[in-house]
Structure formats: C-alpha cells, structure tokens
C-alpha cells in the first residue's frame, strides 16, 4: 500500500494493489473515486477533500478490500463518527528559507 497526499489539490490517493492496470474508475460520491482492475478489484482510492467524512462503508460493501487495507483507510479517515479531529484538516504550512 502507498498513501499520497497532494496538498495543492487537497486530494488523498491510497494505492491498494500493485502490478495490475486500472481498467476503470468507479464514482462512489462526488469526491470519492475507486480505481479497479479488469476483474473489478480495487487498485486505488482517491478522496478529494479528505477532511470530510468518507463513504467507507459504501466502498467496503461494493468492493472486496483486504483487512489491512480496511484498517489503514479507517485510520486515515481519522476520529470516530462525531469526533472533531481528522487528519488533513489543518493545512501544512510551508516556511520559506
């Protein structure tokens, strides 16, 4: 698994599979996309504005996601429902030299 965060785009991409080519992208909601291979297995998940709640249950119901990937996604999503603290809420501040 590989996790990439693009601060300029405020987008998070989690690579779930290696070696397979993405055959299509499935839109879960306006800011959540799942890349799948030719067999429909999830290869990666893109979350736009990841500080918002993610539709993880929808993803888990529609796709077979390995347990370790589930745990990572849940951890990345942040605090439990109703809590105020989530990763990616505070932008990283860059300081010039």
PDB file of N, CA and C in Angstrom:
ATOM      1  N   UNK A   1       0.835  -1.174   0.000  1.00  0.00           N
ATOM      2  CA  UNK A   1       0.000   0.000   0.000  1.00  0.00           C
ATOM      3  C   UNK A   1       0.885   1.244   0.000  1.00  0.00           C
ATOM      4  N   UNK A   2       0.346   2.246  -0.644  1.00  0.00           N
ATOM      5  CA  UNK A   2       1.065   3.507  -0.709  1.00  0.00           C
ATOM      6  C   UNK A   2       0.039   4.618  -0.531  1.00  0.00           C
ATOM      7  N   UNK A   3       0.395   5.625   0.265  1.00  0.00           N
ATOM      8  CA  UNK A   3      -0.501   6.747   0.535  1.00  0.00           C
ATOM      9  C   UNK A   3       0.175   8.022   0.047  1.00  0.00           C
ATOM     10  N   UNK A   4      -0.552   8.788  -0.748  1.00  0.00           N
ATOM     11  CA  UNK A   4      -0.037  10.052  -1.256  1.00  0.00           C
ATOM     12  C   UNK A   4      -1.073  11.141  -0.984  1.00  0.00           C
ATOM     13  N   UNK A   5      -0.596  12.278  -0.498  1.00  0.00           N
ATOM     14  CA  UNK A   5      -1.480  13.422  -0.281  1.00  0.00           C
ATOM     15  C   UNK A   5      -0.965  14.597  -1.094  1.00  0.00           C
ATOM     16  N   UNK A   6      -1.816  15.150  -1.934  1.00  0.00           N
ATOM     17  CA  UNK A   6      -1.483  16.316  -2.742  1.00  0.00           C
ATOM     18  C   UNK A   6      -2.115  17.530  -2.068  1.00  0.00           C
ATOM     19  N   UNK A   7      -1.297  18.318  -1.403  1.00  0.00           N
ATOM     20  CA  UNK A   7      -1.803  19.463  -0.645  1.00  0.00           C
ATOM     21  C   UNK A   7      -2.448  20.492  -1.562  1.00  0.00           C
ATOM     22  N   UNK A   8      -1.857  20.754  -2.721  1.00  0.00           N
ATOM     23  CA  UNK A   8      -2.396  21.760  -3.624  1.00  0.00           C
ATOM     24  C   UNK A   8      -3.798  21.385  -4.109  1.00  0.00           C
ATOM     25  N   UNK A   9      -4.014  20.113  -4.363  1.00  0.00           N
ATOM     26  CA  UNK A   9      -5.321  19.646  -4.830  1.00  0.00           C
ATOM     27  C   UNK A   9      -6.224  19.219  -3.680  1.00  0.00           C
ATOM     28  N   UNK A  10      -5.670  19.134  -2.474  1.00  0.00           N
ATOM     29  CA  UNK A  10      -6.371  18.613  -1.305  1.00  0.00           C
ATOM     30  C   UNK A  10      -6.996  17.262  -1.642  1.00  0.00           C
ATOM     31  N   UNK A  11      -6.127  16.370  -2.124  1.00  0.00           N
ATOM     32  CA  UNK A  11      -6.566  15.048  -2.558  1.00  0.00           C
ATOM     33  C   UNK A  11      -5.651  13.980  -1.976  1.00  0.00           C
ATOM     34  N   UNK A  12      -6.270  12.911  -1.525  1.00  0.00           N
ATOM     35  CA  UNK A  12      -5.559  11.770  -0.965  1.00  0.00           C
ATOM     36  C   UNK A  12      -5.736  10.588  -1.907  1.00  0.00           C
ATOM     37  N   UNK A  13      -4.630   9.879  -2.198  1.00  0.00           N
ATOM     38  CA  UNK A  13      -4.730   8.671  -3.025  1.00  0.00           C
ATOM     39  C   UNK A  13      -4.070   7.535  -2.266  1.00  0.00           C
ATOM     40  N   UNK A  14      -4.825   6.449  -2.106  1.00  0.00           N
ATOM     41  CA  UNK A  14      -4.318   5.261  -1.436  1.00  0.00           C
ATOM     42  C   UNK A  14      -4.243   4.147  -2.475  1.00  0.00           C
ATOM     43  N   UNK A  15      -3.027   3.690  -2.767  1.00  0.00           N
ATOM     44  CA  UNK A  15      -2.818   2.593  -3.696  1.00  0.00           C
ATOM     45  C   UNK A  15      -2.990   1.284  -2.937  1.00  0.00           C
ATOM     46  N   UNK A  16      -3.919   0.455  -3.389  1.00  0.00           N
ATOM     47  CA  UNK A  16      -4.207  -0.804  -2.706  1.00  0.00           C
ATOM     48  C   UNK A  16      -3.552  -1.996  -3.378  1.00  0.00           C
ATOM     49  N   UNK A  17      -3.403  -1.952  -4.686  1.00  0.00           N
ATOM     50  CA  UNK A  17      -2.856  -3.094  -5.414  1.00  0.00           C
ATOM     51  C   UNK A  17      -1.645  -2.710  -6.235  1.00  0.00           C
ATOM     52  N   UNK A  18      -0.828  -3.691  -6.515  1.00  0.00           N
ATOM     53  CA  UNK A  18       0.372  -3.468  -7.312  1.00  0.00           C
ATOM     54  C   UNK A  18       0.334  -4.343  -8.565  1.00  0.00           C
ATOM     55  N   UNK A  19       0.887  -3.823  -9.623  1.00  0.00           N
ATOM     56  CA  UNK A  19       1.106  -4.632 -10.810  1.00  0.00           C
ATOM     57  C   UNK A  19      -0.053  -4.695 -11.784  1.00  0.00           C
ATOM     58  N   UNK A  20      -1.267  -4.498 -11.347  1.00  0.00           N
ATOM     59  CA  UNK A  20      -2.408  -4.556 -12.250  1.00  0.00           C
ATOM     60  C   UNK A  20      -2.659  -3.175 -12.858  1.00  0.00           C
ATOM     61  N   UNK A  21      -3.233  -3.182 -14.024  1.00  0.00           N
ATOM     62  CA  UNK A  21      -3.557  -1.939 -14.711  1.00  0.00           C
ATOM     63  C   UNK A  21      -4.984  -1.549 -14.351  1.00  0.00           C
ATOM     64  N   UNK A  22      -5.190  -0.274 -14.098  1.00  0.00           N
ATOM     65  CA  UNK A  22      -6.525   0.229 -13.800  1.00  0.00           C
ATOM     66  C   UNK A  22      -7.361   0.148 -15.080  1.00  0.00           C
ATOM     67  N   UNK A  23      -8.496  -0.548 -14.993  1.00  0.00           N
ATOM     68  CA  UNK A  23      -9.373  -0.710 -16.152  1.00  0.00           C
ATOM     69  C   UNK A  23     -10.458   0.362 -16.202  1.00  0.00           C
ATOM     70  N   UNK A  24     -10.914   0.777 -15.018  1.00  0.00           N
ATOM     71  CA  UNK A  24     -11.944   1.814 -14.971  1.00  0.00           C
ATOM     72  C   UNK A  24     -11.976   2.443 -13.588  1.00  0.00           C
ATOM     73  N   UNK A  25     -12.690   3.541 -13.494  1.00  0.00           N
ATOM     74  CA  UNK A  25     -12.837   4.248 -12.232  1.00  0.00           C
ATOM     75  C   UNK A  25     -14.314   4.298 -11.880  1.00  0.00           C
ATOM     76  N   UNK A  26     -14.622   3.934 -10.635  1.00  0.00           N
ATOM     77  CA  UNK A  26     -15.999   3.923 -10.147  1.00  0.00           C
ATOM     78  C   UNK A  26     -16.188   5.109  -9.211  1.00  0.00           C
ATOM     79  N   UNK A  27     -17.199   5.912  -9.480  1.00  0.00           N
ATOM     80  CA  UNK A  27     -17.509   7.073  -8.633  1.00  0.00           C
ATOM     81  C   UNK A  27     -18.416   6.609  -7.495  1.00  0.00           C
ATOM     82  N   UNK A  28     -17.950   6.808  -6.262  1.00  0.00           N
ATOM     83  CA  UNK A  28     -18.743   6.459  -5.089  1.00  0.00           C
ATOM     84  C   UNK A  28     -19.599   7.646  -4.676  1.00  0.00           C
ATOM     85  N   UNK A  29     -18.997   8.818  -4.628  1.00  0.00           N
ATOM     86  CA  UNK A  29     -19.716  10.075  -4.428  1.00  0.00           C
ATOM     87  C   UNK A  29     -18.926  11.156  -5.152  1.00  0.00           C
ATOM     88  N   UNK A  30     -19.343  12.397  -4.996  1.00  0.00           N
ATOM     89  CA  UNK A  30     -18.715  13.490  -5.747  1.00  0.00           C
ATOM     90  C   UNK A  30     -17.224  13.632  -5.494  1.00  0.00           C
ATOM     91  N   UNK A  31     -16.735  13.173  -4.346  1.00  0.00           N
ATOM     92  CA  UNK A  31     -15.318  13.326  -4.040  1.00  0.00           C
ATOM     93  C   UNK A  31     -14.590  12.034  -3.743  1.00  0.00           C
ATOM     94  N   UNK A  32     -15.190  10.897  -4.085  1.00  0.00           N
ATOM     95  CA  UNK A  32     -14.555   9.604  -3.800  1.00  0.00           C
ATOM     96  C   UNK A  32     -14.606   8.728  -5.043  1.00  0.00           C
ATOM     97  N   UNK A  33     -13.424   8.329  -5.514  1.00  0.00           N
ATOM     98  CA  UNK A  33     -13.307   7.506  -6.713  1.00  0.00           C
ATOM     99  C   UNK A  33     -12.496   6.255  -6.395  1.00  0.00           C
ATOM    100  N   UNK A  34     -12.930   5.122  -6.948  1.00  0.00           N
ATOM    101  CA  UNK A  34     -12.206   3.868  -6.747  1.00  0.00           C
ATOM    102  C   UNK A  34     -11.743   3.363  -8.109  1.00  0.00           C
ATOM    103  N   UNK A  35     -10.433   3.194  -8.264  1.00  0.00           N
ATOM    104  CA  UNK A  35      -9.859   2.606  -9.471  1.00  0.00           C
ATOM    105  C   UNK A  35      -9.884   1.092  -9.320  1.00  0.00           C
ATOM    106  N   UNK A  36     -10.390   0.392 -10.348  1.00  0.00           N
ATOM    107  CA  UNK A  36     -10.475  -1.063 -10.290  1.00  0.00           C
ATOM    108  C   UNK A  36      -9.767  -1.681 -11.499  1.00  0.00           C
ATOM    109  N   UNK A  37      -9.326  -2.929 -11.327  1.00  0.00           N
ATOM    110  CA  UNK A  37      -8.700  -3.657 -12.437  1.00  0.00           C
ATOM    111  C   UNK A  37      -9.782  -4.320 -13.289  1.00  0.00           C
ATOM    112  N   UNK A  38      -9.379  -5.107 -14.268  1.00  0.00           N
ATOM    113  CA  UNK A  38     -10.331  -5.731 -15.194  1.00  0.00           C
ATOM    114  C   UNK A  38     -11.259  -6.741 -14.516  1.00  0.00           C
ATOM    115  N   UNK A  39     -10.905  -7.202 -13.318  1.00  0.00           N
ATOM    116  CA  UNK A  39     -11.755  -8.121 -12.566  1.00  0.00           C
ATOM    117  C   UNK A  39     -12.628  -7.397 -11.534  1.00  0.00           C
ATOM    118  N   UNK A  40     -12.519  -6.085 -11.482  1.00  0.00           N
ATOM    119  CA  UNK A  40     -13.311  -5.303 -10.537  1.00  0.00           C
ATOM    120  C   UNK A  40     -12.705  -5.194  -9.151  1.00  0.00           C
ATOM    121  N   UNK A  41     -11.432  -5.599  -9.017  1.00  0.00           N
ATOM    122  CA  UNK A  41     -10.754  -5.486  -7.716  1.00  0.00           C
ATOM    123  C   UNK A  41     -10.248  -4.063  -7.537  1.00  0.00           C
ATOM    124  N   UNK A  42     -10.402  -3.502  -6.323  1.00  0.00           N
ATOM    125  CA  UNK A  42      -9.937  -2.130  -6.099  1.00  0.00           C
ATOM    126  C   UNK A  42      -8.415  -2.039  -6.138  1.00  0.00           C
ATOM    127  N   UNK A  43      -7.928  -1.097  -6.920  1.00  0.00           N
ATOM    128  CA  UNK A  43      -6.485  -0.872  -7.049  1.00  0.00           C
ATOM    129  C   UNK A  43      -6.059   0.395  -6.322  1.00  0.00           C
ATOM    130  N   UNK A  44      -6.992   1.331  -6.191  1.00  0.00           N
ATOM    131  CA  UNK A  44      -6.677   2.582  -5.519  1.00  0.00           C
ATOM    132  C   UNK A  44      -7.935   3.369  -5.235  1.00  0.00           C
ATOM    133  N   UNK A  45      -7.841   4.240  -4.237  1.00  0.00           N
ATOM    134  CA  UNK A  45      -8.972   5.072  -3.849  1.00  0.00           C
ATOM    135  C   UNK A  45      -8.485   6.515  -3.772  1.00  0.00           C
ATOM    136  N   UNK A  46      -9.223   7.397  -4.434  1.00  0.00           N
ATOM    137  CA  UNK A  46      -8.918   8.824  -4.382  1.00  0.00           C
ATOM    138  C   UNK A  46     -10.016   9.523  -3.606  1.00  0.00           C
ATOM    139  N   UNK A  47      -9.612  10.345  -2.653  1.00  0.00           N
ATOM    140  CA  UNK A  47     -10.558  11.098  -1.847  1.00  0.00           C
ATOM    141  C   UNK A  47     -10.212  12.578  -1.987  1.00  0.00           C
ATOM    142  N   UNK A  48     -11.141  13.329  -2.548  1.00  0.00           N
ATOM    143  CA  UNK A  48     -10.985  14.772  -2.683  1.00  0.00           C
ATOM    144  C   UNK A  48     -11.505  15.405  -1.402  1.00  0.00           C
ATOM    145  N   UNK A  49     -10.774  16.359  -0.850  1.00  0.00           N
ATOM    146  CA  UNK A  49     -11.112  16.998   0.424  1.00  0.00           C
ATOM    147  C   UNK A  49     -11.235  15.936   1.527  1.00  0.00           C
ATOM    148  N   UNK A  50     -10.142  15.262   1.842  1.00  0.00           N
ATOM    149  CA  UNK A  50     -10.204  14.140   2.785  1.00  0.00           C
ATOM    150  C   UNK A  50     -10.522  14.504   4.228  1.00  0.00           C
ATOM    151  N   UNK A  51     -10.655  15.786   4.557  1.00  0.00           N
ATOM    152  CA  UNK A  51     -11.039  16.155   5.917  1.00  0.00           C
ATOM    153  C   UNK A  51     -12.513  15.866   6.180  1.00  0.00           C
ATOM    154  N   UNK A  52     -13.276  15.676   5.125  1.00  0.00           N
ATOM    155  CA  UNK A  52     -14.704  15.363   5.266  1.00  0.00           C
ATOM    156  C   UNK A  52     -14.881  13.873   5.587  1.00  0.00           C
ATOM    157  N   UNK A  53     -16.058  13.491   6.065  1.00  0.00           N
ATOM    158  CA  UNK A  53     -16.319  12.057   6.269  1.00  0.00           C
ATOM    159  C   UNK A  53     -16.301  11.321   4.922  1.00  0.00           C
ATOM    160  N   UNK A  54     -15.714  10.154   4.907  1.00  0.00           N
ATOM    161  CA  UNK A  54     -15.634   9.362   3.676  1.00  0.00           C
ATOM    162  C   UNK A  54     -16.709   8.288   3.677  1.00  0.00           C
ATOM    163  N   UNK A  55     -17.157   7.873   2.504  1.00  0.00           N
ATOM    164  CA  UNK A  55     -18.152   6.803   2.419  1.00  0.00           C
ATOM    165  C   UNK A  55     -17.494   5.408   2.464  1.00  0.00           C
ATOM    166  N   UNK A  56     -16.737   5.152   3.521  1.00  0.00           N
ATOM    167  CA  UNK A  56     -16.010   3.877   3.599  1.00  0.00           C
ATOM    168  C   UNK A  56     -16.935   2.671   3.591  1.00  0.00           C
ATOM    169  N   UNK A  57     -18.064   2.757   4.277  1.00  0.00           N
ATOM    170  CA  UNK A  57     -18.973   1.609   4.302  1.00  0.00           C
ATOM    171  C   UNK A  57     -19.471   1.278   2.898  1.00  0.00           C
ATOM    172  N   UNK A  58     -19.739   2.304   2.098  1.00  0.00           N
ATOM    173  CA  UNK A  58     -20.147   2.069   0.710  1.00  0.00           C
ATOM    174  C   UNK A  58     -19.048   1.351  -0.061  1.00  0.00           C
ATOM    175  N   UNK A  59     -17.813   1.779   0.145  1.00  0.00           N
ATOM    176  CA  UNK A  59     -16.679   1.144  -0.532  1.00  0.00           C
ATOM    177  C   UNK A  59     -16.550  -0.302  -0.077  1.00  0.00           C
ATOM    178  N   UNK A  60     -16.611  -0.528   1.238  1.00  0.00           N
ATOM    179  CA  UNK A  60     -16.451  -1.881   1.772  1.00  0.00           C
ATOM    180  C   UNK A  60     -17.582  -2.804   1.328  1.00  0.00           C
ATOM    181  N   UNK A  61     -18.769  -2.263   1.133  1.00  0.00           N
ATOM    182  CA  UNK A  61     -19.897  -3.078   0.679  1.00  0.00           C
ATOM    183  C   UNK A  61     -19.806  -3.403  -0.808  1.00  0.00           C
ATOM    184  N   UNK A  62     -19.258  -2.509  -1.585  1.00  0.00           N
ATOM    185  CA  UNK A  62     -19.197  -2.701  -3.044  1.00  0.00           C
ATOM    186  C   UNK A  62     -17.959  -3.453  -3.526  1.00  0.00           C
ATOM    187  N   UNK A  63     -16.874  -3.395  -2.728  1.00  0.00           N
ATOM    188  CA  UNK A  63     -15.611  -3.982  -3.169  1.00  0.00           C
ATOM    189  C   UNK A  63     -15.008  -4.845  -2.078  1.00  0.00           C
ATOM    190  N   UNK A  64     -14.266  -5.851  -2.498  1.00  0.00           N
ATOM    191  CA  UNK A  64     -13.540  -6.674  -1.529  1.00  0.00           C
ATOM    192  C   UNK A  64     -12.241  -5.960  -1.197  1.00  0.00           C
ATOM    193  N   UNK A  65     -12.174  -5.442   0.013  1.00  0.00           N
ATOM    194  CA  UNK A  65     -10.994  -4.725   0.473  1.00  0.00           C
ATOM    195  C   UNK A  65     -10.374  -5.546   1.589  1.00  0.00           C
ATOM    196  N   UNK A  66      -9.101  -5.859   1.446  1.00  0.00           N
ATOM    197  CA  UNK A  66      -8.405  -6.671   2.449  1.00  0.00           C
ATOM    198  C   UNK A  66      -8.432  -5.987   3.811  1.00  0.00           C
ATOM    199  N   UNK A  67      -8.377  -6.817   4.855  1.00  0.00           N
ATOM    200  CA  UNK A  67      -8.476  -6.304   6.222  1.00  0.00           C
ATOM    201  C   UNK A  67      -7.418  -5.255   6.537  1.00  0.00           C
ATOM    202  N   UNK A  68      -6.169  -5.479   6.118  1.00  0.00           N
ATOM    203  CA  UNK A  68      -5.126  -4.499   6.424  1.00  0.00           C
ATOM    204  C   UNK A  68      -5.394  -3.176   5.713  1.00  0.00           C
ATOM    205  N   UNK A  69      -5.959  -3.228   4.512  1.00  0.00           N
ATOM    206  CA  UNK A  69      -6.313  -2.008   3.783  1.00  0.00           C
ATOM    207  C   UNK A  69      -7.497  -1.316   4.447  1.00  0.00           C
ATOM    208  N   UNK A  70      -8.441  -2.097   4.940  1.00  0.00           N
ATOM    209  CA  UNK A  70      -9.582  -1.520   5.665  1.00  0.00           C
ATOM    210  C   UNK A  70      -9.106  -0.744   6.886  1.00  0.00           C
ATOM    211  N   UNK A  71      -8.220  -1.376   7.645  1.00  0.00           N
ATOM    212  CA  UNK A  71      -7.710  -0.722   8.858  1.00  0.00           C
ATOM    213  C   UNK A  71      -6.977   0.570   8.516  1.00  0.00           C
ATOM    214  N   UNK A  72      -6.167   0.532   7.468  1.00  0.00           N
ATOM    215  CA  UNK A  72      -5.440   1.735   7.050  1.00  0.00           C
ATOM    216  C   UNK A  72      -6.411   2.841   6.656  1.00  0.00           C
ATOM    217  N   UNK A  73      -7.411   2.515   5.862  1.00  0.00           N
ATOM    218  CA  UNK A  73      -8.381   3.520   5.433  1.00  0.00           C
ATOM    219  C   UNK A  73      -9.128   4.103   6.622  1.00  0.00           C
ATOM    220  N   UNK A  74      -9.523   3.247   7.551  1.00  0.00           N
ATOM    221  CA  UNK A  74     -10.217   3.730   8.743  1.00  0.00           C
ATOM    222  C   UNK A  74      -9.315   4.627   9.586  1.00  0.00           C
ATOM    223  N   UNK A  75      -8.049   4.249   9.687  1.00  0.00           N
ATOM    224  CA  UNK A  75      -7.093   5.063  10.444  1.00  0.00           C
ATOM    225  C   UNK A  75      -6.858   6.406   9.761  1.00  0.00           C
ATOM    226  N   UNK A  76      -6.714   6.386   8.437  1.00  0.00           N
ATOM    227  CA  UNK A  76      -6.505   7.626   7.692  1.00  0.00           C
ATOM    228  C   UNK A  76      -7.715   8.545   7.771  1.00  0.00           C
ATOM    229  N   UNK A  77      -8.896   7.934   7.807  1.00  0.00           N
ATOM    230  CA  UNK A  77     -10.110   8.744   7.869  1.00  0.00           C
ATOM    231  C   UNK A  77     -10.146   9.555   9.152  1.00  0.00           C
ATOM    232  N   UNK A  78      -9.565   9.024  10.202  1.00  0.00           N
ATOM    233  CA  UNK A  78      -9.445   9.815  11.414  1.00  0.00           C
ATOM    234  C   UNK A  78     -10.320   9.354  12.538  1.00  0.00           C
ATOM    235  N   UNK A  79     -10.762  10.327  13.270  1.00  0.00           N
ATOM    236  CA  UNK A  79     -11.501  10.080  14.502  1.00  0.00           C
ATOM    237  C   UNK A  79     -12.834   9.403  14.218  1.00  0.00           C
ATOM    238  N   UNK A  80     -13.376   8.739  15.222  1.00  0.00           N
ATOM    239  CA  UNK A  80     -14.677   8.099  15.067  1.00  0.00           C
ATOM    240  C   UNK A  80     -15.772   9.111  14.754  1.00  0.00           C
ATOM    241  N   UNK A  81     -16.890   8.600  14.264  1.00  0.00           N
ATOM    242  CA  UNK A  81     -18.037   9.440  13.918  1.00  0.00           C
ATOM    243  C   UNK A  81     -18.387  10.376  15.077  1.00  0.00           C
ATOM    244  N   UNK A  82     -18.593  11.628  14.766  1.00  0.00           N
ATOM    245  CA  UNK A  82     -18.965  12.593  15.786  1.00  0.00           C
ATOM    246  C   UNK A  82     -17.781  13.333  16.393  1.00  0.00           C
ATOM    247  N   UNK A  83     -16.580  12.808  16.232  1.00  0.00           N
ATOM    248  CA  UNK A  83     -15.403  13.488  16.774  1.00  0.00           C
ATOM    249  C   UNK A  83     -15.004  14.615  15.814  1.00  0.00           C
ATOM    250  N   UNK A  84     -14.268  15.578  16.345  1.00  0.00           N
ATOM    251  CA  UNK A  84     -13.917  16.744  15.527  1.00  0.00           C
ATOM    252  C   UNK A  84     -12.529  16.646  14.910  1.00  0.00           C
ATOM    253  N   UNK A  85     -11.715  15.753  15.364  1.00  0.00           N
ATOM    254  CA  UNK A  85     -10.335  15.695  14.890  1.00  0.00           C
ATOM    255  C   UNK A  85     -10.202  14.690  13.753  1.00  0.00           C
ATOM    256  N   UNK A  86      -9.730  15.139  12.626  1.00  0.00           N
ATOM    257  CA  UNK A  86      -9.486  14.280  11.467  1.00  0.00           C
ATOM    258  C   UNK A  86      -8.151  14.688  10.841  1.00  0.00           C
ATOM    259  N   UNK A  87      -7.458  13.726  10.249  1.00  0.00           N
ATOM    260  CA  UNK A  87      -6.234  14.103   9.543  1.00  0.00           C
ATOM    261  C   UNK A  87      -6.582  14.995   8.347  1.00  0.00           C
ATOM    262  N   UNK A  88      -5.638  15.744   7.904  1.00  0.00           N
ATOM    263  CA  UNK A  88      -5.747  16.610   6.731  1.00  0.00           C
ATOM    264  C   UNK A  88      -6.620  17.833   6.973  1.00  0.00           C
ATOM    265  N   UNK A  89      -7.079  18.059   8.208  1.00  0.00           N
ATOM    266  CA  UNK A  89      -7.905  19.228   8.477  1.00  0.00           C
ATOM    267  C   UNK A  89      -7.049  20.482   8.449  1.00  0.00           C
ATOM    268  N   UNK A  90      -5.927  20.457   9.120  1.00  0.00           N
ATOM    269  CA  UNK A  90      -5.042  21.608   9.162  1.00  0.00           C
ATOM    270  C   UNK A  90      -4.059  21.525   8.004  1.00  0.00           C
ATOM    271  N   UNK A  91      -4.025  22.547   7.131  1.00  0.00           N
ATOM    272  CA  UNK A  91      -3.059  22.500   6.046  1.00  0.00           C
ATOM    273  C   UNK A  91      -1.629  22.588   6.570  1.00  0.00           C
ATOM    274  N   UNK A  92      -0.752  21.953   5.870  1.00  0.00           N
ATOM    275  CA  UNK A  92       0.661  22.015   6.227  1.00  0.00           C
ATOM    276  C   UNK A  92       1.173  23.406   5.852  1.00  0.00           C
ATOM    277  N   UNK A  93       1.871  24.044   6.772  1.00  0.00           N
ATOM    278  CA  UNK A  93       2.396  25.363   6.482  1.00  0.00           C
ATOM    279  C   UNK A  93       3.848  25.241   6.040  1.00  0.00           C
ATOM    280  N   UNK A  94       4.119  25.790   4.901  1.00  0.00           N
ATOM    281  CA  UNK A  94       5.461  25.770   4.344  1.00  0.00           C
ATOM    282  C   UNK A  94       6.154  27.070   4.726  1.00  0.00           C
ATOM    283  N   UNK A  95       7.366  26.961   5.196  1.00  0.00           N
ATOM    284  CA  UNK A  95       8.123  28.138   5.611  1.00  0.00           C
ATOM    285  C   UNK A  95       9.297  28.298   4.665  1.00  0.00           C
ATOM    286  N   UNK A  96       9.403  29.457   4.053  1.00  0.00           N
ATOM    287  CA  UNK A  96      10.494  29.724   3.134  1.00  0.00           C
ATOM    288  C   UNK A  96      11.795  29.969   3.882  1.00  0.00           C
ATOM    289  N   UNK A  97      12.892  29.649   3.246  1.00  0.00           N
ATOM    290  CA  UNK A  97      14.201  29.831   3.874  1.00  0.00           C
ATOM    291  C   UNK A  97      14.662  31.256   3.760  1.00  0.00           C
TER     292      UNK A  97
END
